[in-house]
Amino acid sequence: MAQNREYREQTEEDLENVPPMSGMQKAILAIAAVVLASIIAYIAFA
């Protein structure tokens, strides 16, 4: 159980140290989400 607590504390520390995403990263993720949704819609309704 102690190992799990140590892992969770380490994970929280790692997440706090992650820099915020840049605009380019957000744009790429948005485009990828739109493409993925389009593919799913095409497969579902074709």
N, C-alpha and C. Protein backbone atom coordinates (compact mmCIF):
# COMPACT_ATOMS: atom_id res chain seq x y z
N MET A 1 0.82 -1.18 0.00
CA MET A 1 0.00 0.00 0.00
C MET A 1 0.87 1.26 0.00
N ALA A 2 1.97 1.21 0.71
CA ALA A 2 2.86 2.37 0.76
C ALA A 2 3.45 2.65 -0.62
N GLN A 3 3.73 1.59 -1.36
CA GLN A 3 4.29 1.77 -2.70
C GLN A 3 3.28 2.50 -3.60
N ASN A 4 2.01 2.17 -3.46
CA ASN A 4 0.97 2.82 -4.25
C ASN A 4 0.90 4.31 -3.91
N ARG A 5 1.02 4.66 -2.63
CA ARG A 5 0.98 6.05 -2.21
C ARG A 5 2.18 6.81 -2.77
N GLU A 6 3.36 6.18 -2.73
CA GLU A 6 4.56 6.81 -3.28
C GLU A 6 4.41 7.02 -4.79
N TYR A 7 3.83 6.05 -5.47
CA TYR A 7 3.61 6.19 -6.91
C TYR A 7 2.67 7.35 -7.21
N ARG A 8 1.60 7.45 -6.44
CA ARG A 8 0.61 8.51 -6.66
C ARG A 8 1.24 9.88 -6.40
N GLU A 9 2.06 9.99 -5.34
CA GLU A 9 2.72 11.27 -5.05
C GLU A 9 3.68 11.64 -6.17
N GLN A 10 4.41 10.66 -6.68
CA GLN A 10 5.34 10.92 -7.78
C GLN A 10 4.59 11.36 -9.02
N THR A 11 3.47 10.71 -9.30
CA THR A 11 2.68 11.05 -10.47
C THR A 11 2.15 12.47 -10.36
N GLU A 12 1.66 12.85 -9.18
CA GLU A 12 1.15 14.21 -8.99
C GLU A 12 2.27 15.23 -9.18
N GLU A 13 3.46 14.92 -8.68
CA GLU A 13 4.60 15.82 -8.86
C GLU A 13 4.94 15.95 -10.35
N ASP A 14 4.92 14.84 -11.06
CA ASP A 14 5.23 14.87 -12.49
C ASP A 14 4.21 15.74 -13.23
N LEU A 15 2.94 15.61 -12.88
CA LEU A 15 1.90 16.38 -13.57
C LEU A 15 2.03 17.87 -13.27
N GLU A 16 2.47 18.21 -12.07
CA GLU A 16 2.62 19.62 -11.72
C GLU A 16 3.77 20.26 -12.50
N ASN A 17 4.75 19.47 -12.90
CA ASN A 17 5.93 19.99 -13.58
C ASN A 17 5.78 20.06 -15.10
N VAL A 18 4.64 19.63 -15.63
CA VAL A 18 4.43 19.64 -17.08
C VAL A 18 4.09 21.07 -17.50
N PRO A 19 4.82 21.61 -18.47
CA PRO A 19 4.50 22.97 -18.93
C PRO A 19 3.18 22.99 -19.70
N PRO A 20 2.49 24.13 -19.74
CA PRO A 20 1.23 24.20 -20.49
C PRO A 20 1.47 23.99 -21.98
N MET A 21 0.45 23.50 -22.67
CA MET A 21 0.59 23.22 -24.09
C MET A 21 0.66 24.53 -24.89
N SER A 22 1.42 24.50 -25.94
CA SER A 22 1.51 25.67 -26.81
C SER A 22 0.29 25.70 -27.74
N GLY A 23 0.11 26.83 -28.40
CA GLY A 23 -1.01 26.96 -29.33
C GLY A 23 -0.92 25.97 -30.46
N MET A 24 0.30 25.69 -30.92
CA MET A 24 0.47 24.75 -32.02
C MET A 24 0.03 23.35 -31.60
N GLN A 25 0.39 22.94 -30.39
CA GLN A 25 -0.02 21.63 -29.91
C GLN A 25 -1.54 21.53 -29.81
N LYS A 26 -2.17 22.60 -29.31
CA LYS A 26 -3.62 22.60 -29.20
C LYS A 26 -4.27 22.52 -30.57
N ALA A 27 -3.72 23.23 -31.55
CA ALA A 27 -4.26 23.22 -32.91
C ALA A 27 -4.14 21.83 -33.51
N ILE A 28 -3.00 21.18 -33.33
CA ILE A 28 -2.80 19.84 -33.87
C ILE A 28 -3.77 18.86 -33.23
N LEU A 29 -3.97 18.95 -31.92
CA LEU A 29 -4.90 18.06 -31.24
C LEU A 29 -6.33 18.31 -31.71
N ALA A 30 -6.68 19.57 -31.93
CA ALA A 30 -8.03 19.89 -32.41
C ALA A 30 -8.25 19.32 -33.80
N ILE A 31 -7.27 19.48 -34.67
CA ILE A 31 -7.39 18.94 -36.03
C ILE A 31 -7.48 17.42 -35.99
N ALA A 32 -6.67 16.79 -35.16
CA ALA A 32 -6.71 15.34 -35.05
C ALA A 32 -8.07 14.87 -34.54
N ALA A 33 -8.66 15.60 -33.59
CA ALA A 33 -9.97 15.23 -33.06
C ALA A 33 -11.04 15.36 -34.14
N VAL A 34 -10.98 16.41 -34.95
CA VAL A 34 -11.95 16.60 -36.02
C VAL A 34 -11.82 15.49 -37.06
N VAL A 35 -10.60 15.16 -37.44
CA VAL A 35 -10.38 14.09 -38.42
C VAL A 35 -10.89 12.76 -37.88
N LEU A 36 -10.59 12.47 -36.63
CA LEU A 36 -11.04 11.22 -36.02
C LEU A 36 -12.56 11.16 -35.98
N ALA A 37 -13.20 12.25 -35.58
CA ALA A 37 -14.67 12.29 -35.54
C ALA A 37 -15.25 12.11 -36.94
N SER A 38 -14.61 12.71 -37.93
CA SER A 38 -15.08 12.57 -39.32
C SER A 38 -14.98 11.12 -39.78
N ILE A 39 -13.89 10.47 -39.47
CA ILE A 39 -13.70 9.07 -39.87
C ILE A 39 -14.76 8.19 -39.20
N ILE A 40 -14.99 8.41 -37.91
CA ILE A 40 -15.98 7.62 -37.19
C ILE A 40 -17.38 7.84 -37.77
N ALA A 41 -17.71 9.11 -38.08
CA ALA A 41 -19.01 9.41 -38.66
C ALA A 41 -19.15 8.77 -40.03
N TYR A 42 -18.10 8.80 -40.82
CA TYR A 42 -18.14 8.19 -42.15
C TYR A 42 -18.39 6.69 -42.05
N ILE A 43 -17.68 6.03 -41.14
CA ILE A 43 -17.84 4.59 -40.98
C ILE A 43 -19.24 4.27 -40.45
N ALA A 44 -19.73 5.08 -39.53
CA ALA A 44 -21.03 4.81 -38.90
C ALA A 44 -22.18 4.98 -39.88
N PHE A 45 -22.10 5.97 -40.77
CA PHE A 45 -23.23 6.29 -41.64
C PHE A 45 -23.05 5.82 -43.07
N ALA A 46 -21.93 5.22 -43.40
CA ALA A 46 -21.71 4.75 -44.78
C ALA A 46 -22.29 3.37 -44.97
